[in-house]
Amino acid sequence: MIRSGELRYRVEIEQRTEVADGIGGFTTTWSRYCYLRAGIWPLRGSEVIEAGRLEHRITHRIKTRYKSGIEANMRVKHGSRYFDIIQVIVRDEKNHEMEFLAVEGTT
């Protein structure tokens, strides 16, 4: 069970949106999906090149109350910081709480 003191931040969950650019292509933008109360904890992480491609290592764990529809291709915005959600974990079968394993990004 989540204690209210753990969820000290108000964060915004954003989803990727493809918008037509008017010349036959698309531009990727981000739009608000919802606001949540969350706890954010730093973890160890890094980026490495494995088999010729960049692999991200998890940098943060974000905990919140359950909200349906949140997926791994979304991101968390907290102030001027962005966290790309890599994995969504529902912590119990009653859908009370969930965690995101995320990588802190720059945009």
PDB file of N, CA and C in Angstrom:
ATOM      1  N   MET A   1       0.837  -1.177   0.000  1.00  0.00           N
ATOM      2  CA  MET A   1       0.000   0.000   0.000  1.00  0.00           C
ATOM      3  C   MET A   1       0.885   1.246   0.000  1.00  0.00           C
ATOM      4  N   ILE A   2       0.494   2.229  -0.753  1.00  0.00           N
ATOM      5  CA  ILE A   2       1.260   3.469  -0.855  1.00  0.00           C
ATOM      6  C   ILE A   2       0.902   4.395   0.307  1.00  0.00           C
ATOM      7  N   ARG A   3       1.929   4.917   0.949  1.00  0.00           N
ATOM      8  CA  ARG A   3       1.708   5.948   1.966  1.00  0.00           C
ATOM      9  C   ARG A   3       1.703   7.297   1.261  1.00  0.00           C
ATOM     10  N   SER A   4       0.807   8.175   1.641  1.00  0.00           N
ATOM     11  CA  SER A   4       0.650   9.451   0.943  1.00  0.00           C
ATOM     12  C   SER A   4       1.932  10.279   0.927  1.00  0.00           C
ATOM     13  N   GLY A   5       2.766  10.155   1.949  1.00  0.00           N
ATOM     14  CA  GLY A   5       4.018  10.897   1.990  1.00  0.00           C
ATOM     15  C   GLY A   5       5.011  10.488   0.910  1.00  0.00           C
ATOM     16  N   GLU A   6       4.841   9.297   0.360  1.00  0.00           N
ATOM     17  CA  GLU A   6       5.726   8.840  -0.719  1.00  0.00           C
ATOM     18  C   GLU A   6       5.455   9.578  -2.024  1.00  0.00           C
ATOM     19  N   LEU A   7       4.236  10.046  -2.215  1.00  0.00           N
ATOM     20  CA  LEU A   7       3.828  10.667  -3.474  1.00  0.00           C
ATOM     21  C   LEU A   7       3.903  12.183  -3.354  1.00  0.00           C
ATOM     22  N   ARG A   8       5.111  12.698  -3.223  1.00  0.00           N
ATOM     23  CA  ARG A   8       5.280  14.120  -2.909  1.00  0.00           C
ATOM     24  C   ARG A   8       5.332  15.023  -4.130  1.00  0.00           C
ATOM     25  N   TYR A   9       5.396  14.469  -5.339  1.00  0.00           N
ATOM     26  CA  TYR A   9       5.506  15.287  -6.547  1.00  0.00           C
ATOM     27  C   TYR A   9       4.238  15.190  -7.398  1.00  0.00           C
ATOM     28  N   ARG A  10       3.885  16.280  -8.027  1.00  0.00           N
ATOM     29  CA  ARG A  10       2.808  16.280  -9.014  1.00  0.00           C
ATOM     30  C   ARG A  10       3.483  16.216 -10.377  1.00  0.00           C
ATOM     31  N   VAL A  11       3.234  15.139 -11.099  1.00  0.00           N
ATOM     32  CA  VAL A  11       3.880  14.942 -12.393  1.00  0.00           C
ATOM     33  C   VAL A  11       2.820  14.887 -13.494  1.00  0.00           C
ATOM     34  N   GLU A  12       3.276  15.103 -14.693  1.00  0.00           N
ATOM     35  CA  GLU A  12       2.406  15.032 -15.864  1.00  0.00           C
ATOM     36  C   GLU A  12       2.834  13.833 -16.706  1.00  0.00           C
ATOM     37  N   ILE A  13       1.882  13.006 -17.093  1.00  0.00           N
ATOM     38  CA  ILE A  13       2.160  11.905 -18.009  1.00  0.00           C
ATOM     39  C   ILE A  13       1.839  12.411 -19.406  1.00  0.00           C
ATOM     40  N   GLU A  14       2.779  12.268 -20.318  1.00  0.00           N
ATOM     41  CA  GLU A  14       2.591  12.733 -21.694  1.00  0.00           C
ATOM     42  C   GLU A  14       2.634  11.560 -22.655  1.00  0.00           C
ATOM     43  N   GLN A  15       1.853  11.684 -23.736  1.00  0.00           N
ATOM     44  CA  GLN A  15       1.863  10.663 -24.775  1.00  0.00           C
ATOM     45  C   GLN A  15       2.335  11.278 -26.088  1.00  0.00           C
ATOM     46  N   ARG A  16       2.993  10.462 -26.866  1.00  0.00           N
ATOM     47  CA  ARG A  16       3.525  10.896 -28.164  1.00  0.00           C
ATOM     48  C   ARG A  16       2.369  11.030 -29.152  1.00  0.00           C
ATOM     49  N   THR A  17       2.384  12.119 -29.926  1.00  0.00           N
ATOM     50  CA  THR A  17       1.350  12.371 -30.925  1.00  0.00           C
ATOM     51  C   THR A  17       2.033  12.718 -32.245  1.00  0.00           C
ATOM     52  N   GLU A  18       1.574  12.099 -33.310  1.00  0.00           N
ATOM     53  CA  GLU A  18       2.078  12.405 -34.651  1.00  0.00           C
ATOM     54  C   GLU A  18       1.157  13.451 -35.279  1.00  0.00           C
ATOM     55  N   VAL A  19       1.725  14.589 -35.719  1.00  0.00           N
ATOM     56  CA  VAL A  19       0.955  15.679 -36.308  1.00  0.00           C
ATOM     57  C   VAL A  19       1.436  15.883 -37.738  1.00  0.00           C
ATOM     58  N   ALA A  20       0.484  15.944 -38.665  1.00  0.00           N
ATOM     59  CA  ALA A  20       0.838  16.174 -40.072  1.00  0.00           C
ATOM     60  C   ALA A  20       1.530  17.526 -40.203  1.00  0.00           C
ATOM     61  N   ASP A  21       2.637  17.556 -40.989  1.00  0.00           N
ATOM     62  CA  ASP A  21       3.388  18.795 -41.138  1.00  0.00           C
ATOM     63  C   ASP A  21       2.956  19.608 -42.354  1.00  0.00           C
ATOM     64  N   GLY A  22       1.974  19.124 -43.116  1.00  0.00           N
ATOM     65  CA  GLY A  22       1.448  19.872 -44.252  1.00  0.00           C
ATOM     66  C   GLY A  22       2.147  19.598 -45.567  1.00  0.00           C
ATOM     67  N   ILE A  23       3.260  18.860 -45.530  1.00  0.00           N
ATOM     68  CA  ILE A  23       3.967  18.553 -46.781  1.00  0.00           C
ATOM     69  C   ILE A  23       4.143  17.049 -46.956  1.00  0.00           C
ATOM     70  N   GLY A  24       3.228  16.304 -46.367  1.00  0.00           N
ATOM     71  CA  GLY A  24       3.239  14.851 -46.527  1.00  0.00           C
ATOM     72  C   GLY A  24       3.965  14.077 -45.453  1.00  0.00           C
ATOM     73  N   GLY A  25       4.561  14.762 -44.502  1.00  0.00           N
ATOM     74  CA  GLY A  25       5.276  14.088 -43.426  1.00  0.00           C
ATOM     75  C   GLY A  25       4.579  14.310 -42.094  1.00  0.00           C
ATOM     76  N   PHE A  26       5.248  13.884 -41.048  1.00  0.00           N
ATOM     77  CA  PHE A  26       4.700  14.026 -39.710  1.00  0.00           C
ATOM     78  C   PHE A  26       5.747  14.578 -38.757  1.00  0.00           C
ATOM     79  N   THR A  27       5.290  15.319 -37.776  1.00  0.00           N
ATOM     80  CA  THR A  27       6.130  15.826 -36.708  1.00  0.00           C
ATOM     81  C   THR A  27       5.662  15.192 -35.409  1.00  0.00           C
ATOM     82  N   THR A  28       6.593  14.768 -34.591  1.00  0.00           N
ATOM     83  CA  THR A  28       6.251  14.169 -33.308  1.00  0.00           C
ATOM     84  C   THR A  28       6.140  15.261 -32.251  1.00  0.00           C
ATOM     85  N   THR A  29       5.010  15.287 -31.553  1.00  0.00           N
ATOM     86  CA  THR A  29       4.812  16.210 -30.443  1.00  0.00           C
ATOM     87  C   THR A  29       4.353  15.397 -29.238  1.00  0.00           C
ATOM     88  N   TRP A  30       4.322  16.030 -28.086  1.00  0.00           N
ATOM     89  CA  TRP A  30       3.870  15.384 -26.860  1.00  0.00           C
ATOM     90  C   TRP A  30       2.653  16.120 -26.345  1.00  0.00           C
ATOM     91  N   SER A  31       1.645  15.375 -25.910  1.00  0.00           N
ATOM     92  CA  SER A  31       0.440  15.973 -25.346  1.00  0.00           C
ATOM     93  C   SER A  31       0.151  15.350 -23.980  1.00  0.00           C
ATOM     94  N   ARG A  32      -0.527  16.112 -23.130  1.00  0.00           N
ATOM     95  CA  ARG A  32      -0.821  15.655 -21.774  1.00  0.00           C
ATOM     96  C   ARG A  32      -1.825  14.503 -21.808  1.00  0.00           C
ATOM     97  N   TYR A  33      -1.501  13.437 -21.080  1.00  0.00           N
ATOM     98  CA  TYR A  33      -2.422  12.318 -20.884  1.00  0.00           C
ATOM     99  C   TYR A  33      -3.151  12.482 -19.552  1.00  0.00           C
ATOM    100  N   CYS A  34      -2.405  12.793 -18.488  1.00  0.00           N
ATOM    101  CA  CYS A  34      -3.011  13.004 -17.171  1.00  0.00           C
ATOM    102  C   CYS A  34      -1.976  13.582 -16.211  1.00  0.00           C
ATOM    103  N   TYR A  35      -2.465  14.023 -15.062  1.00  0.00           N
ATOM    104  CA  TYR A  35      -1.613  14.416 -13.946  1.00  0.00           C
ATOM    105  C   TYR A  35      -1.727  13.341 -12.877  1.00  0.00           C
ATOM    106  N   LEU A  36      -0.632  13.083 -12.157  1.00  0.00           N
ATOM    107  CA  LEU A  36      -0.612  12.107 -11.075  1.00  0.00           C
ATOM    108  C   LEU A  36       0.266  12.619  -9.941  1.00  0.00           C
ATOM    109  N   ARG A  37       0.056  12.117  -8.754  1.00  0.00           N
ATOM    110  CA  ARG A  37       0.974  12.298  -7.639  1.00  0.00           C
ATOM    111  C   ARG A  37       1.955  11.138  -7.706  1.00  0.00           C
ATOM    112  N   ALA A  38       3.242  11.406  -7.510  1.00  0.00           N
ATOM    113  CA  ALA A  38       4.240  10.354  -7.680  1.00  0.00           C
ATOM    114  C   ALA A  38       5.431  10.561  -6.763  1.00  0.00           C
ATOM    115  N   GLY A  39       6.134   9.467  -6.529  1.00  0.00           N
ATOM    116  CA  GLY A  39       7.428   9.485  -5.875  1.00  0.00           C
ATOM    117  C   GLY A  39       8.481   9.141  -6.914  1.00  0.00           C
ATOM    118  N   ILE A  40       9.615   9.817  -6.863  1.00  0.00           N
ATOM    119  CA  ILE A  40      10.680   9.596  -7.849  1.00  0.00           C
ATOM    120  C   ILE A  40      11.963   9.282  -7.094  1.00  0.00           C
ATOM    121  N   TRP A  41      12.570   8.141  -7.429  1.00  0.00           N
ATOM    122  CA  TRP A  41      13.806   7.722  -6.782  1.00  0.00           C
ATOM    123  C   TRP A  41      14.875   7.453  -7.836  1.00  0.00           C
ATOM    124  N   PRO A  42      16.069   8.050  -7.685  1.00  0.00           N
ATOM    125  CA  PRO A  42      17.156   7.766  -8.623  1.00  0.00           C
ATOM    126  C   PRO A  42      17.720   6.369  -8.388  1.00  0.00           C
ATOM    127  N   LEU A  43      18.096   5.731  -9.475  1.00  0.00           N
ATOM    128  CA  LEU A  43      18.765   4.438  -9.449  1.00  0.00           C
ATOM    129  C   LEU A  43      20.070   4.591 -10.194  1.00  0.00           C
ATOM    130  N   ARG A  44      20.900   3.585 -10.122  1.00  0.00           N
ATOM    131  CA  ARG A  44      22.118   3.596 -10.927  1.00  0.00           C
ATOM    132  C   ARG A  44      21.756   3.312 -12.364  1.00  0.00           C
ATOM    133  N   GLY A  45      22.422   3.963 -13.283  1.00  0.00           N
ATOM    134  CA  GLY A  45      22.140   3.701 -14.683  1.00  0.00           C
ATOM    135  C   GLY A  45      23.172   4.342 -15.579  1.00  0.00           C
ATOM    136  N   SER A  46      23.170   3.930 -16.834  1.00  0.00           N
ATOM    137  CA  SER A  46      24.099   4.482 -17.802  1.00  0.00           C
ATOM    138  C   SER A  46      23.643   4.093 -19.198  1.00  0.00           C
ATOM    139  N   GLU A  47      24.346   4.623 -20.178  1.00  0.00           N
ATOM    140  CA  GLU A  47      24.118   4.226 -21.556  1.00  0.00           C
ATOM    141  C   GLU A  47      25.376   3.516 -22.031  1.00  0.00           C
ATOM    142  N   VAL A  48      25.202   2.423 -22.728  1.00  0.00           N
ATOM    143  CA  VAL A  48      26.329   1.689 -23.275  1.00  0.00           C
ATOM    144  C   VAL A  48      26.012   1.292 -24.703  1.00  0.00           C
ATOM    145  N   ILE A  49      27.049   1.020 -25.465  1.00  0.00           N
ATOM    146  CA  ILE A  49      26.848   0.530 -26.820  1.00  0.00           C
ATOM    147  C   ILE A  49      27.055  -0.971 -26.796  1.00  0.00           C
ATOM    148  N   GLU A  50      25.997  -1.696 -27.147  1.00  0.00           N
ATOM    149  CA  GLU A  50      26.047  -3.151 -27.200  1.00  0.00           C
ATOM    150  C   GLU A  50      25.599  -3.583 -28.587  1.00  0.00           C
ATOM    151  N   ALA A  51      26.376  -4.421 -29.217  1.00  0.00           N
ATOM    152  CA  ALA A  51      26.066  -4.936 -30.558  1.00  0.00           C
ATOM    153  C   ALA A  51      25.807  -3.793 -31.538  1.00  0.00           C
ATOM    154  N   GLY A  52      26.578  -2.709 -31.424  1.00  0.00           N
ATOM    155  CA  GLY A  52      26.486  -1.609 -32.366  1.00  0.00           C
ATOM    156  C   GLY A  52      25.300  -0.685 -32.180  1.00  0.00           C
ATOM    157  N   ARG A  53      24.565  -0.808 -31.080  1.00  0.00           N
ATOM    158  CA  ARG A  53      23.437   0.092 -30.855  1.00  0.00           C
ATOM    159  C   ARG A  53      23.463   0.606 -29.416  1.00  0.00           C
ATOM    160  N   LEU A  54      22.890   1.775 -29.237  1.00  0.00           N
ATOM    161  CA  LEU A  54      22.865   2.408 -27.926  1.00  0.00           C
ATOM    162  C   LEU A  54      21.804   1.744 -27.064  1.00  0.00           C
ATOM    163  N   GLU A  55      22.212   1.299 -25.886  1.00  0.00           N
ATOM    164  CA  GLU A  55      21.293   0.678 -24.930  1.00  0.00           C
ATOM    165  C   GLU A  55      21.161   1.598 -23.723  1.00  0.00           C
ATOM    166  N   HIS A  56      19.938   1.870 -23.329  1.00  0.00           N
ATOM    167  CA  HIS A  56      19.701   2.709 -22.155  1.00  0.00           C
ATOM    168  C   HIS A  56      19.613   1.843 -20.915  1.00  0.00           C
ATOM    169  N   ARG A  57      20.128   2.341 -19.846  1.00  0.00           N
ATOM    170  CA  ARG A  57      20.019   1.689 -18.557  1.00  0.00           C
ATOM    171  C   ARG A  57      19.032   2.497 -17.723  1.00  0.00           C
ATOM    172  N   ILE A  58      18.269   1.837 -16.931  1.00  0.00           N
ATOM    173  CA  ILE A  58      17.267   2.485 -16.104  1.00  0.00           C
ATOM    174  C   ILE A  58      17.943   3.461 -15.140  1.00  0.00           C
ATOM    175  N   THR A  59      17.426   4.694 -15.038  1.00  0.00           N
ATOM    176  CA  THR A  59      18.014   5.686 -14.151  1.00  0.00           C
ATOM    177  C   THR A  59      17.108   6.046 -12.973  1.00  0.00           C
ATOM    178  N   HIS A  60      15.784   5.825 -13.103  1.00  0.00           N
ATOM    179  CA  HIS A  60      14.853   6.222 -12.047  1.00  0.00           C
ATOM    180  C   HIS A  60      13.705   5.229 -11.912  1.00  0.00           C
ATOM    181  N   ARG A  61      13.185   5.167 -10.695  1.00  0.00           N
ATOM    182  CA  ARG A  61      11.960   4.405 -10.405  1.00  0.00           C
ATOM    183  C   ARG A  61      10.930   5.431  -9.967  1.00  0.00           C
ATOM    184  N   ILE A  62       9.759   5.381 -10.601  1.00  0.00           N
ATOM    185  CA  ILE A  62       8.685   6.323 -10.309  1.00  0.00           C
ATOM    186  C   ILE A  62       7.483   5.514  -9.841  1.00  0.00           C
ATOM    187  N   LYS A  63       6.968   5.860  -8.676  1.00  0.00           N
ATOM    188  CA  LYS A  63       5.866   5.112  -8.079  1.00  0.00           C
ATOM    189  C   LYS A  63       4.638   6.010  -8.002  1.00  0.00           C
ATOM    190  N   THR A  64       3.449   5.458  -8.297  1.00  0.00           N
ATOM    191  CA  THR A  64       2.218   6.223  -8.275  1.00  0.00           C
ATOM    192  C   THR A  64       1.021   5.319  -8.022  1.00  0.00           C
ATOM    193  N   ARG A  65      -0.115   5.918  -7.801  1.00  0.00           N
ATOM    194  CA  ARG A  65      -1.342   5.132  -7.732  1.00  0.00           C
ATOM    195  C   ARG A  65      -1.696   4.663  -9.135  1.00  0.00           C
ATOM    196  N   TYR A  66      -2.461   3.592  -9.222  1.00  0.00           N
ATOM    197  CA  TYR A  66      -2.796   2.999 -10.510  1.00  0.00           C
ATOM    198  C   TYR A  66      -3.614   3.961 -11.377  1.00  0.00           C
ATOM    199  N   LYS A  67      -3.288   4.018 -12.649  1.00  0.00           N
ATOM    200  CA  LYS A  67      -4.043   4.766 -13.661  1.00  0.00           C
ATOM    201  C   LYS A  67      -4.004   3.946 -14.930  1.00  0.00           C
ATOM    202  N   SER A  68      -5.156   3.559 -15.430  1.00  0.00           N
ATOM    203  CA  SER A  68      -5.198   2.715 -16.624  1.00  0.00           C
ATOM    204  C   SER A  68      -4.729   3.496 -17.858  1.00  0.00           C
ATOM    205  N   GLY A  69      -4.208   2.776 -18.825  1.00  0.00           N
ATOM    206  CA  GLY A  69      -3.819   3.355 -20.105  1.00  0.00           C
ATOM    207  C   GLY A  69      -2.390   3.833 -20.212  1.00  0.00           C
ATOM    208  N   ILE A  70      -1.635   3.846 -19.145  1.00  0.00           N
ATOM    209  CA  ILE A  70      -0.252   4.307 -19.207  1.00  0.00           C
ATOM    210  C   ILE A  70       0.611   3.182 -19.772  1.00  0.00           C
ATOM    211  N   GLU A  71       1.412   3.520 -20.786  1.00  0.00           N
ATOM    212  CA  GLU A  71       2.212   2.523 -21.496  1.00  0.00           C
ATOM    213  C   GLU A  71       3.673   2.934 -21.549  1.00  0.00           C
ATOM    214  N   ALA A  72       4.495   1.999 -21.980  1.00  0.00           N
ATOM    215  CA  ALA A  72       5.947   2.214 -22.006  1.00  0.00           C
ATOM    216  C   ALA A  72       6.404   3.231 -23.049  1.00  0.00           C
ATOM    217  N   ASN A  73       5.558   3.637 -23.974  1.00  0.00           N
ATOM    218  CA  ASN A  73       5.989   4.629 -24.961  1.00  0.00           C
ATOM    219  C   ASN A  73       5.641   6.058 -24.538  1.00  0.00           C
ATOM    220  N   MET A  74       5.221   6.247 -23.290  1.00  0.00           N
ATOM    221  CA  MET A  74       4.896   7.567 -22.766  1.00  0.00           C
ATOM    222  C   MET A  74       6.077   8.110 -21.966  1.00  0.00           C
ATOM    223  N   ARG A  75       5.908   9.323 -21.445  1.00  0.00           N
ATOM    224  CA  ARG A  75       6.973   9.894 -20.612  1.00  0.00           C
ATOM    225  C   ARG A  75       6.360  10.655 -19.442  1.00  0.00           C
ATOM    226  N   VAL A  76       7.193  10.867 -18.422  1.00  0.00           N
ATOM    227  CA  VAL A  76       6.795  11.601 -17.223  1.00  0.00           C
ATOM    228  C   VAL A  76       7.504  12.948 -17.256  1.00  0.00           C
ATOM    229  N   LYS A  77       6.751  14.014 -17.047  1.00  0.00           N
ATOM    230  CA  LYS A  77       7.330  15.357 -16.972  1.00  0.00           C
ATOM    231  C   LYS A  77       7.217  15.828 -15.527  1.00  0.00           C
ATOM    232  N   HIS A  78       8.350  16.229 -14.950  1.00  0.00           N
ATOM    233  CA  HIS A  78       8.377  16.772 -13.593  1.00  0.00           C
ATOM    234  C   HIS A  78       9.184  18.056 -13.645  1.00  0.00           C
ATOM    235  N   GLY A  79       8.504  19.186 -13.617  1.00  0.00           N
ATOM    236  CA  GLY A  79       9.184  20.470 -13.772  1.00  0.00           C
ATOM    237  C   GLY A  79       9.809  20.545 -15.152  1.00  0.00           C
ATOM    238  N   SER A  80      11.114  20.760 -15.203  1.00  0.00           N
ATOM    239  CA  SER A  80      11.824  20.821 -16.479  1.00  0.00           C
ATOM    240  C   SER A  80      12.492  19.491 -16.834  1.00  0.00           C
ATOM    241  N   ARG A  81      12.207  18.447 -16.050  1.00  0.00           N
ATOM    242  CA  ARG A  81      12.821  17.132 -16.267  1.00  0.00           C
ATOM    243  C   ARG A  81      11.830  16.199 -16.967  1.00  0.00           C
ATOM    244  N   TYR A  82      12.373  15.331 -17.815  1.00  0.00           N
ATOM    245  CA  TYR A  82      11.571  14.345 -18.533  1.00  0.00           C
ATOM    246  C   TYR A  82      12.140  12.958 -18.290  1.00  0.00           C
ATOM    247  N   PHE A  83      11.258  11.987 -18.105  1.00  0.00           N
ATOM    248  CA  PHE A  83      11.641  10.599 -17.884  1.00  0.00           C
ATOM    249  C   PHE A  83      10.902   9.730 -18.902  1.00  0.00           C
ATOM    250  N   ASP A  84      11.636   9.090 -19.796  1.00  0.00           N
ATOM    251  CA  ASP A  84      11.039   8.171 -20.767  1.00  0.00           C
ATOM    252  C   ASP A  84      10.712   6.872 -20.059  1.00  0.00           C
ATOM    253  N   ILE A  85       9.439   6.471 -20.116  1.00  0.00           N
ATOM    254  CA  ILE A  85       9.016   5.245 -19.447  1.00  0.00           C
ATOM    255  C   ILE A  85       9.483   4.047 -20.269  1.00  0.00           C
ATOM    256  N   ILE A  86      10.265   3.177 -19.655  1.00  0.00           N
ATOM    257  CA  ILE A  86      10.778   1.978 -20.304  1.00  0.00           C
ATOM    258  C   ILE A  86       9.889   0.782 -19.973  1.00  0.00           C
ATOM    259  N   GLN A  87       9.405   0.720 -18.745  1.00  0.00           N
ATOM    260  CA  GLN A  87       8.574  -0.408 -18.322  1.00  0.00           C
ATOM    261  C   GLN A  87       7.548   0.063 -17.304  1.00  0.00           C
ATOM    262  N   VAL A  88       6.317  -0.457 -17.426  1.00  0.00           N
ATOM    263  CA  VAL A  88       5.244  -0.183 -16.480  1.00  0.00           C
ATOM    264  C   VAL A  88       4.990  -1.460 -15.691  1.00  0.00           C
ATOM    265  N   ILE A  89       5.010  -1.355 -14.364  1.00  0.00           N
ATOM    266  CA  ILE A  89       4.804  -2.517 -13.500  1.00  0.00           C
ATOM    267  C   ILE A  89       3.613  -2.235 -12.593  1.00  0.00           C
ATOM    268  N   VAL A  90       2.575  -3.070 -12.689  1.00  0.00           N
ATOM    269  CA  VAL A  90       1.454  -2.971 -11.768  1.00  0.00           C
ATOM    270  C   VAL A  90       1.829  -3.816 -10.560  1.00  0.00           C
ATOM    271  N   ARG A  91       1.934  -3.179  -9.391  1.00  0.00           N
ATOM    272  CA  ARG A  91       2.504  -3.826  -8.207  1.00  0.00           C
ATOM    273  C   ARG A  91       1.585  -4.831  -7.537  1.00  0.00           C
ATOM    274  N   ASP A  92       0.296  -4.760  -7.758  1.00  0.00           N
ATOM    275  CA  ASP A  92      -0.614  -5.720  -7.147  1.00  0.00           C
ATOM    276  C   ASP A  92      -1.751  -6.025  -8.120  1.00  0.00           C
ATOM    277  N   GLU A  93      -2.449  -7.087  -7.909  1.00  0.00           N
ATOM    278  CA  GLU A  93      -3.527  -7.492  -8.804  1.00  0.00           C
ATOM    279  C   GLU A  93      -4.803  -6.680  -8.615  1.00  0.00           C
ATOM    280  N   LYS A  94      -4.848  -5.863  -7.576  1.00  0.00           N
ATOM    281  CA  LYS A  94      -6.033  -5.057  -7.314  1.00  0.00           C
ATOM    282  C   LYS A  94      -5.952  -3.682  -7.965  1.00  0.00           C
ATOM    283  N   ASN A  95      -4.892  -3.426  -8.711  1.00  0.00           N
ATOM    284  CA  ASN A  95      -4.690  -2.149  -9.408  1.00  0.00           C
ATOM    285  C   ASN A  95      -4.710  -0.953  -8.458  1.00  0.00           C
ATOM    286  N   HIS A  96      -3.972  -1.044  -7.362  1.00  0.00           N
ATOM    287  CA  HIS A  96      -3.867   0.065  -6.419  1.00  0.00           C
ATOM    288  C   HIS A  96      -2.658   0.940  -6.707  1.00  0.00           C
ATOM    289  N   GLU A  97      -1.550   0.322  -7.130  1.00  0.00           N
ATOM    290  CA  GLU A  97      -0.336   1.092  -7.350  1.00  0.00           C
ATOM    291  C   GLU A  97       0.432   0.552  -8.537  1.00  0.00           C
ATOM    292  N   MET A  98       1.293   1.406  -9.072  1.00  0.00           N
ATOM    293  CA  MET A  98       2.130   1.004 -10.198  1.00  0.00           C
ATOM    294  C   MET A  98       3.464   1.724 -10.117  1.00  0.00           C
ATOM    295  N   GLU A  99       4.447   1.159 -10.806  1.00  0.00           N
ATOM    296  CA  GLU A  99       5.780   1.753 -10.890  1.00  0.00           C
ATOM    297  C   GLU A  99       6.181   1.865 -12.343  1.00  0.00           C
ATOM    298  N   PHE A 100       6.972   2.871 -12.627  1.00  0.00           N
ATOM    299  CA  PHE A 100       7.566   3.026 -13.950  1.00  0.00           C
ATOM    300  C   PHE A 100       9.078   2.930 -13.772  1.00  0.00           C
ATOM    301  N   LEU A 101       9.724   2.133 -14.587  1.00  0.00           N
ATOM    302  CA  LEU A 101      11.178   2.157 -14.680  1.00  0.00           C
ATOM    303  C   LEU A 101      11.473   3.075 -15.858  1.00  0.00           C
ATOM    304  N   ALA A 102      12.313   4.085 -15.619  1.00  0.00           N
ATOM    305  CA  ALA A 102      12.460   5.146 -16.609  1.00  0.00           C
ATOM    306  C   ALA A 102      13.910   5.569 -16.782  1.00  0.00           C
ATOM    307  N   VAL A 103      14.143   6.241 -17.900  1.00  0.00           N
ATOM    308  CA  VAL A 103      15.437   6.829 -18.237  1.00  0.00           C
ATOM    309  C   VAL A 103      15.239   8.336 -18.321  1.00  0.00           C
ATOM    310  N   GLU A 104      16.034   9.088 -17.578  1.00  0.00           N
ATOM    311  CA  GLU A 104      15.911  10.539 -17.653  1.00  0.00           C
ATOM    312  C   GLU A 104      16.461  11.020 -18.985  1.00  0.00           C
ATOM    313  N   GLY A 105      15.672  11.845 -19.669  1.00  0.00           N
ATOM    314  CA  GLY A 105      16.063  12.363 -20.970  1.00  0.00           C
ATOM    315  C   GLY A 105      16.201  13.871 -20.923  1.00  0.00           C
ATOM    316  N   THR A 106      16.407  14.448 -22.093  1.00  0.00           N
ATOM    317  CA  THR A 106      16.593  15.887 -22.175  1.00  0.00           C
ATOM    318  C   THR A 106      15.409  16.594 -22.802  1.00  0.00           C
ATOM    319  N   THR A 107      14.520  15.865 -23.446  1.00  0.00           N
ATOM    320  CA  THR A 107      13.353  16.528 -24.069  1.00  0.00           C
ATOM    321  C   THR A 107      12.097  15.761 -23.793  1.00  0.00           C
TER     322      THR A 107
END
